[in-house]
Amino acid sequence: YFEIGQMGIEHALLPEKGLVVAGDVVIGAD
């Protein structure tokens, strides 16, 4: 959970945080 001070625009933030890698299945309400 990333809010002000830690957050970013979600689709730039998740790769930067290493939360998505090759071979994953990811769904998002966006």
PDB file of all heavy atoms in Angstrom:
ATOM      1  N   TYR A   1       0.867  -1.176   0.000  1.00  0.00           N
ATOM      2  CA  TYR A   1       0.000   0.000   0.000  1.00  0.00           C
ATOM      3  C   TYR A   1       0.903   1.225   0.000  1.00  0.00           C
ATOM      4  O   TYR A   1       1.754   1.386   0.877  1.00  0.00           O
ATOM      5  CB  TYR A   1      -0.905   0.006   1.228  1.00  0.00           C
ATOM      6  CG  TYR A   1      -1.727   1.276   1.352  1.00  0.00           C
ATOM      7  CD1 TYR A   1      -2.779   1.528   0.480  1.00  0.00           C
ATOM      8  CD2 TYR A   1      -1.424   2.229   2.328  1.00  0.00           C
ATOM      9  CE1 TYR A   1      -3.520   2.688   0.569  1.00  0.00           C
ATOM     10  CE2 TYR A   1      -2.162   3.400   2.428  1.00  0.00           C
ATOM     11  CZ  TYR A   1      -3.209   3.618   1.549  1.00  0.00           C
ATOM     12  OH  TYR A   1      -3.943   4.780   1.638  1.00  0.00           O
ATOM     13  N   PHE A   2       0.754   2.081  -1.007  1.00  0.00           N
ATOM     14  CA  PHE A   2       1.667   3.214  -1.176  1.00  0.00           C
ATOM     15  C   PHE A   2       0.884   4.510  -1.279  1.00  0.00           C
ATOM     16  O   PHE A   2       0.154   4.722  -2.243  1.00  0.00           O
ATOM     17  CB  PHE A   2       2.521   3.024  -2.431  1.00  0.00           C
ATOM     18  CG  PHE A   2       3.275   1.721  -2.455  1.00  0.00           C
ATOM     19  CD1 PHE A   2       2.832   0.661  -3.231  1.00  0.00           C
ATOM     20  CD2 PHE A   2       4.421   1.542  -1.692  1.00  0.00           C
ATOM     21  CE1 PHE A   2       3.522  -0.547  -3.267  1.00  0.00           C
ATOM     22  CE2 PHE A   2       5.122   0.345  -1.711  1.00  0.00           C
ATOM     23  CZ  PHE A   2       4.669  -0.698  -2.493  1.00  0.00           C
ATOM     24  N   GLU A   3       1.061   5.347  -0.268  1.00  0.00           N
ATOM     25  CA  GLU A   3       0.355   6.626  -0.295  1.00  0.00           C
ATOM     26  C   GLU A   3       1.359   7.767  -0.347  1.00  0.00           C
ATOM     27  O   GLU A   3       2.551   7.565  -0.608  1.00  0.00           O
ATOM     28  CB  GLU A   3      -0.581   6.747   0.913  1.00  0.00           C
ATOM     29  CG  GLU A   3      -1.771   7.653   0.605  1.00  0.00           C
ATOM     30  CD  GLU A   3      -2.746   7.787   1.750  1.00  0.00           C
ATOM     31  OE1 GLU A   3      -2.659   7.017   2.720  1.00  0.00           O
ATOM     32  OE2 GLU A   3      -3.605   8.677   1.672  1.00  0.00           O
ATOM     33  N   ILE A   4       0.896   8.990  -0.087  1.00  0.00           N
ATOM     34  CA  ILE A   4       1.724  10.187  -0.191  1.00  0.00           C
ATOM     35  C   ILE A   4       3.031  10.015   0.575  1.00  0.00           C
ATOM     36  O   ILE A   4       3.047   9.569   1.709  1.00  0.00           O
ATOM     37  CB  ILE A   4       0.955  11.415   0.334  1.00  0.00           C
ATOM     38  CG1 ILE A   4      -0.232  11.721  -0.598  1.00  0.00           C
ATOM     39  CG2 ILE A   4       1.866  12.632   0.416  1.00  0.00           C
ATOM     40  CD1 ILE A   4      -1.164  12.758  -0.061  1.00  0.00           C
ATOM     41  N   GLY A   5       4.114  10.365  -0.071  1.00  0.00           N
ATOM     42  CA  GLY A   5       5.434  10.209   0.519  1.00  0.00           C
ATOM     43  C   GLY A   5       6.138   8.961   0.032  1.00  0.00           C
ATOM     44  O   GLY A   5       7.364   8.915  -0.026  1.00  0.00           O
ATOM     45  N   GLN A   6       5.358   7.941  -0.322  1.00  0.00           N
ATOM     46  CA  GLN A   6       5.909   6.690  -0.849  1.00  0.00           C
ATOM     47  C   GLN A   6       5.377   6.394  -2.240  1.00  0.00           C
ATOM     48  O   GLN A   6       5.943   5.593  -2.957  1.00  0.00           O
ATOM     49  CB  GLN A   6       5.507   5.519   0.048  1.00  0.00           C
ATOM     50  CG  GLN A   6       5.866   5.649   1.504  1.00  0.00           C
ATOM     51  CD  GLN A   6       5.257   4.509   2.313  1.00  0.00           C
ATOM     52  OE1 GLN A   6       5.338   3.348   1.921  1.00  0.00           O
ATOM     53  NE2 GLN A   6       4.649   4.841   3.422  1.00  0.00           N
ATOM     54  N   MET A   7       4.280   7.030  -2.574  1.00  0.00           N
ATOM     55  CA  MET A   7       3.530   6.618  -3.747  1.00  0.00           C
ATOM     56  C   MET A   7       4.129   7.121  -5.056  1.00  0.00           C
ATOM     57  O   MET A   7       5.122   7.840  -5.092  1.00  0.00           O
ATOM     58  CB  MET A   7       2.077   7.074  -3.638  1.00  0.00           C
ATOM     59  CG  MET A   7       1.886   8.569  -3.420  1.00  0.00           C
ATOM     60  SD  MET A   7       2.001   9.586  -4.899  1.00  0.00           S
ATOM     61  CE  MET A   7       0.487   9.164  -5.723  1.00  0.00           C
ATOM     62  N   GLY A   8       3.474   6.714  -6.106  1.00  0.00           N
ATOM     63  CA  GLY A   8       3.797   7.170  -7.442  1.00  0.00           C
ATOM     64  C   GLY A   8       2.606   6.816  -8.314  1.00  0.00           C
ATOM     65  O   GLY A   8       1.613   6.278  -7.829  1.00  0.00           O
ATOM     66  N   ILE A   9       2.686   7.123  -9.566  1.00  0.00           N
ATOM     67  CA  ILE A   9       1.651   6.682 -10.497  1.00  0.00           C
ATOM     68  C   ILE A   9       1.781   5.170 -10.624  1.00  0.00           C
ATOM     69  O   ILE A   9       2.857   4.641 -10.899  1.00  0.00           O
ATOM     70  CB  ILE A   9       1.802   7.384 -11.854  1.00  0.00           C
ATOM     71  CG1 ILE A   9       1.711   8.906 -11.656  1.00  0.00           C
ATOM     72  CG2 ILE A   9       0.733   6.904 -12.823  1.00  0.00           C
ATOM     73  CD1 ILE A   9       1.995   9.716 -12.904  1.00  0.00           C
ATOM     74  N   GLU A  10       0.691   4.464 -10.369  1.00  0.00           N
ATOM     75  CA  GLU A  10       0.726   3.014 -10.132  1.00  0.00           C
ATOM     76  C   GLU A  10       1.531   2.224 -11.159  1.00  0.00           C
ATOM     77  O   GLU A  10       2.309   1.338 -10.789  1.00  0.00           O
ATOM     78  CB  GLU A  10      -0.700   2.468 -10.042  1.00  0.00           C
ATOM     79  CG  GLU A  10      -1.552   2.778 -11.266  1.00  0.00           C
ATOM     80  CD  GLU A  10      -3.047   2.574 -11.018  1.00  0.00           C
ATOM     81  OE1 GLU A  10      -3.423   1.570 -10.389  1.00  0.00           O
ATOM     82  OE2 GLU A  10      -3.839   3.430 -11.477  1.00  0.00           O
ATOM     83  N   HIS A  11       1.385   2.530 -12.437  1.00  0.00           N
ATOM     84  CA  HIS A  11       2.022   1.700 -13.465  1.00  0.00           C
ATOM     85  C   HIS A  11       3.507   2.000 -13.642  1.00  0.00           C
ATOM     86  O   HIS A  11       4.218   1.245 -14.308  1.00  0.00           O
ATOM     87  CB  HIS A  11       1.274   1.846 -14.786  1.00  0.00           C
ATOM     88  CG  HIS A  11      -0.189   1.578 -14.646  1.00  0.00           C
ATOM     89  ND1 HIS A  11      -0.666   0.444 -14.030  1.00  0.00           N
ATOM     90  CD2 HIS A  11      -1.290   2.311 -14.997  1.00  0.00           C
ATOM     91  CE1 HIS A  11      -1.997   0.485 -14.026  1.00  0.00           C
ATOM     92  NE2 HIS A  11      -2.381   1.604 -14.587  1.00  0.00           N
ATOM     93  N   ALA A  12       3.977   3.078 -13.052  1.00  0.00           N
ATOM     94  CA  ALA A  12       5.417   3.313 -12.970  1.00  0.00           C
ATOM     95  C   ALA A  12       5.974   2.754 -11.662  1.00  0.00           C
ATOM     96  O   ALA A  12       7.112   2.292 -11.600  1.00  0.00           O
ATOM     97  CB  ALA A  12       5.718   4.804 -13.066  1.00  0.00           C
ATOM     98  N   LEU A  13       5.136   2.766 -10.623  1.00  0.00           N
ATOM     99  CA  LEU A  13       5.584   2.373  -9.289  1.00  0.00           C
ATOM    100  C   LEU A  13       5.805   0.872  -9.136  1.00  0.00           C
ATOM    101  O   LEU A  13       6.813   0.436  -8.572  1.00  0.00           O
ATOM    102  CB  LEU A  13       4.570   2.852  -8.246  1.00  0.00           C
ATOM    103  CG  LEU A  13       4.972   2.674  -6.784  1.00  0.00           C
ATOM    104  CD1 LEU A  13       6.172   3.547  -6.444  1.00  0.00           C
ATOM    105  CD2 LEU A  13       3.803   2.999  -5.866  1.00  0.00           C
ATOM    106  N   LEU A  14       4.877   0.061  -9.640  1.00  0.00           N
ATOM    107  CA  LEU A  14       4.980  -1.389  -9.431  1.00  0.00           C
ATOM    108  C   LEU A  14       6.239  -1.992 -10.045  1.00  0.00           C
ATOM    109  O   LEU A  14       6.933  -2.774  -9.368  1.00  0.00           O
ATOM    110  CB  LEU A  14       3.724  -2.111  -9.924  1.00  0.00           C
ATOM    111  CG  LEU A  14       2.683  -2.387  -8.815  1.00  0.00           C
ATOM    112  CD1 LEU A  14       2.154  -1.093  -8.210  1.00  0.00           C
ATOM    113  CD2 LEU A  14       1.526  -3.232  -9.353  1.00  0.00           C
ATOM    114  N   PRO A  15       6.601  -1.674 -11.288  1.00  0.00           N
ATOM    115  CA  PRO A  15       7.871  -2.194 -11.811  1.00  0.00           C
ATOM    116  C   PRO A  15       9.073  -1.681 -11.023  1.00  0.00           C
ATOM    117  O   PRO A  15      10.012  -2.434 -10.761  1.00  0.00           O
ATOM    118  CB  PRO A  15       7.895  -1.684 -13.256  1.00  0.00           C
ATOM    119  CG  PRO A  15       6.470  -1.437 -13.599  1.00  0.00           C
ATOM    120  CD  PRO A  15       5.848  -0.956 -12.329  1.00  0.00           C
ATOM    121  N   GLU A  16       9.034  -0.412 -10.641  1.00  0.00           N
ATOM    122  CA  GLU A  16      10.128   0.177  -9.883  1.00  0.00           C
ATOM    123  C   GLU A  16      10.329  -0.534  -8.545  1.00  0.00           C
ATOM    124  O   GLU A  16      11.464  -0.728  -8.091  1.00  0.00           O
ATOM    125  CB  GLU A  16       9.825   1.658  -9.649  1.00  0.00           C
ATOM    126  CG  GLU A  16      10.876   2.423  -8.876  1.00  0.00           C
ATOM    127  CD  GLU A  16      10.445   3.865  -8.655  1.00  0.00           C
ATOM    128  OE1 GLU A  16      10.584   4.674  -9.599  1.00  0.00           O
ATOM    129  OE2 GLU A  16       9.956   4.186  -7.547  1.00  0.00           O
ATOM    130  N   LYS A  17       9.231  -0.944  -7.925  1.00  0.00           N
ATOM    131  CA  LYS A  17       9.287  -1.652  -6.642  1.00  0.00           C
ATOM    132  C   LYS A  17       9.595  -3.139  -6.812  1.00  0.00           C
ATOM    133  O   LYS A  17       9.734  -3.864  -5.817  1.00  0.00           O
ATOM    134  CB  LYS A  17       7.951  -1.503  -5.906  1.00  0.00           C
ATOM    135  CG  LYS A  17       7.617  -0.079  -5.475  1.00  0.00           C
ATOM    136  CD  LYS A  17       8.450   0.358  -4.290  1.00  0.00           C
ATOM    137  CE  LYS A  17       7.980   1.704  -3.752  1.00  0.00           C
ATOM    138  NZ  LYS A  17       8.818   2.184  -2.627  1.00  0.00           N
ATOM    139  N   GLY A  18       9.681  -3.603  -8.050  1.00  0.00           N
ATOM    140  CA  GLY A  18       9.978  -5.011  -8.295  1.00  0.00           C
ATOM    141  C   GLY A  18       8.818  -5.942  -8.014  1.00  0.00           C
ATOM    142  O   GLY A  18       9.012  -7.141  -7.769  1.00  0.00           O
ATOM    143  N   LEU A  19       7.598  -5.403  -8.068  1.00  0.00           N
ATOM    144  CA  LEU A  19       6.420  -6.206  -7.727  1.00  0.00           C
ATOM    145  C   LEU A  19       5.882  -7.015  -8.892  1.00  0.00           C
ATOM    146  O   LEU A  19       5.029  -7.878  -8.719  1.00  0.00           O
ATOM    147  CB  LEU A  19       5.318  -5.290  -7.178  1.00  0.00           C
ATOM    148  CG  LEU A  19       5.680  -4.565  -5.880  1.00  0.00           C
ATOM    149  CD1 LEU A  19       4.577  -3.590  -5.477  1.00  0.00           C
ATOM    150  CD2 LEU A  19       5.956  -5.553  -4.760  1.00  0.00           C
ATOM    151  N   VAL A  20       6.374  -6.736 -10.094  1.00  0.00           N
ATOM    152  CA  VAL A  20       5.974  -7.491 -11.283  1.00  0.00           C
ATOM    153  C   VAL A  20       7.236  -7.941 -12.010  1.00  0.00           C
ATOM    154  O   VAL A  20       8.167  -7.149 -12.185  1.00  0.00           O
ATOM    155  CB  VAL A  20       5.115  -6.638 -12.233  1.00  0.00           C
ATOM    156  CG1 VAL A  20       4.728  -7.451 -13.469  1.00  0.00           C
ATOM    157  CG2 VAL A  20       3.863  -6.125 -11.528  1.00  0.00           C
ATOM    158  N   VAL A  21       7.258  -9.205 -12.433  1.00  0.00           N
ATOM    159  CA  VAL A  21       8.401  -9.742 -13.176  1.00  0.00           C
ATOM    160  C   VAL A  21       7.892 -10.556 -14.367  1.00  0.00           C
ATOM    161  O   VAL A  21       6.690 -10.793 -14.505  1.00  0.00           O
ATOM    162  CB  VAL A  21       9.302 -10.624 -12.275  1.00  0.00           C
ATOM    163  CG1 VAL A  21       9.928  -9.796 -11.167  1.00  0.00           C
ATOM    164  CG2 VAL A  21       8.523 -11.800 -11.692  1.00  0.00           C
ATOM    165  N   ALA A  22       8.821 -10.987 -15.195  1.00  0.00           N
ATOM    166  CA  ALA A  22       8.478 -11.778 -16.375  1.00  0.00           C
ATOM    167  C   ALA A  22       7.723 -13.041 -15.968  1.00  0.00           C
ATOM    168  O   ALA A  22       8.059 -13.698 -14.978  1.00  0.00           O
ATOM    169  CB  ALA A  22       9.746 -12.158 -17.132  1.00  0.00           C
ATOM    170  N   GLY A  23       6.695 -13.368 -16.738  1.00  0.00           N
ATOM    171  CA  GLY A  23       5.928 -14.581 -16.502  1.00  0.00           C
ATOM    172  C   GLY A  23       4.760 -14.418 -15.561  1.00  0.00           C
ATOM    173  O   GLY A  23       3.959 -15.349 -15.392  1.00  0.00           O
ATOM    174  N   ASP A  24       4.615 -13.250 -14.932  1.00  0.00           N
ATOM    175  CA  ASP A  24       3.507 -13.018 -14.006  1.00  0.00           C
ATOM    176  C   ASP A  24       2.185 -12.843 -14.744  1.00  0.00           C
ATOM    177  O   ASP A  24       2.160 -12.460 -15.926  1.00  0.00           O
ATOM    178  CB  ASP A  24       3.765 -11.751 -13.178  1.00  0.00           C
ATOM    179  CG  ASP A  24       4.660 -11.982 -11.980  1.00  0.00           C
ATOM    180  OD1 ASP A  24       5.014 -13.145 -11.715  1.00  0.00           O
ATOM    181  OD2 ASP A  24       5.008 -10.984 -11.301  1.00  0.00           O
ATOM    182  N   VAL A  25       1.094 -13.085 -14.019  1.00  0.00           N
ATOM    183  CA  VAL A  25      -0.244 -12.675 -14.445  1.00  0.00           C
ATOM    184  C   VAL A  25      -0.692 -11.579 -13.484  1.00  0.00           C
ATOM    185  O   VAL A  25      -0.750 -11.788 -12.271  1.00  0.00           O
ATOM    186  CB  VAL A  25      -1.240 -13.843 -14.427  1.00  0.00           C
ATOM    187  CG1 VAL A  25      -2.675 -13.325 -14.573  1.00  0.00           C
ATOM    188  CG2 VAL A  25      -0.941 -14.828 -15.550  1.00  0.00           C
ATOM    189  N   VAL A  26      -0.972 -10.415 -14.042  1.00  0.00           N
ATOM    190  CA  VAL A  26      -1.343  -9.256 -13.238  1.00  0.00           C
ATOM    191  C   VAL A  26      -2.658  -8.690 -13.766  1.00  0.00           C
ATOM    192  O   VAL A  26      -2.819  -8.498 -14.974  1.00  0.00           O
ATOM    193  CB  VAL A  26      -0.270  -8.155 -13.318  1.00  0.00           C
ATOM    194  CG1 VAL A  26      -0.644  -6.963 -12.430  1.00  0.00           C
ATOM    195  CG2 VAL A  26       1.100  -8.704 -12.930  1.00  0.00           C
ATOM    196  N   ILE A  27      -3.594  -8.447 -12.854  1.00  0.00           N
ATOM    197  CA  ILE A  27      -4.809  -7.734 -13.227  1.00  0.00           C
ATOM    198  C   ILE A  27      -4.911  -6.487 -12.372  1.00  0.00           C
ATOM    199  O   ILE A  27      -4.450  -6.451 -11.234  1.00  0.00           O
ATOM    200  CB  ILE A  27      -6.084  -8.589 -13.068  1.00  0.00           C
ATOM    201  CG1 ILE A  27      -6.293  -9.001 -11.604  1.00  0.00           C
ATOM    202  CG2 ILE A  27      -6.042  -9.802 -13.982  1.00  0.00           C
ATOM    203  CD1 ILE A  27      -7.673  -9.582 -11.338  1.00  0.00           C
ATOM    204  N   GLY A  28      -5.494  -5.453 -12.933  1.00  0.00           N
ATOM    205  CA  GLY A  28      -5.653  -4.213 -12.192  1.00  0.00           C
ATOM    206  C   GLY A  28      -6.930  -3.514 -12.599  1.00  0.00           C
ATOM    207  O   GLY A  28      -7.318  -3.540 -13.771  1.00  0.00           O
ATOM    208  N   ALA A  29      -7.569  -2.902 -11.624  1.00  0.00           N
ATOM    209  CA  ALA A  29      -8.785  -2.149 -11.914  1.00  0.00           C
ATOM    210  C   ALA A  29      -8.396  -0.771 -12.452  1.00  0.00           C
ATOM    211  O   ALA A  29      -8.691   0.270 -11.863  1.00  0.00           O
ATOM    212  CB  ALA A  29      -9.653  -2.047 -10.674  1.00  0.00           C
ATOM    213  N   ASP A  30      -7.710  -0.797 -13.562  1.00  0.00           N
ATOM    214  CA  ASP A  30      -7.303   0.393 -14.297  1.00  0.00           C
ATOM    215  C   ASP A  30      -6.888  -0.087 -15.677  1.00  0.00           C
ATOM    216  O   ASP A  30      -6.113  -1.041 -15.802  1.00  0.00           O
ATOM    217  CB  ASP A  30      -6.138   1.106 -13.615  1.00  0.00           C
ATOM    218  CG  ASP A  30      -5.779   2.407 -14.329  1.00  0.00           C
ATOM    219  OD1 ASP A  30      -4.986   2.362 -15.291  1.00  0.00           O
ATOM    220  OD2 ASP A  30      -6.308   3.462 -13.934  1.00  0.00           O
TER     221      ASP A  30
END
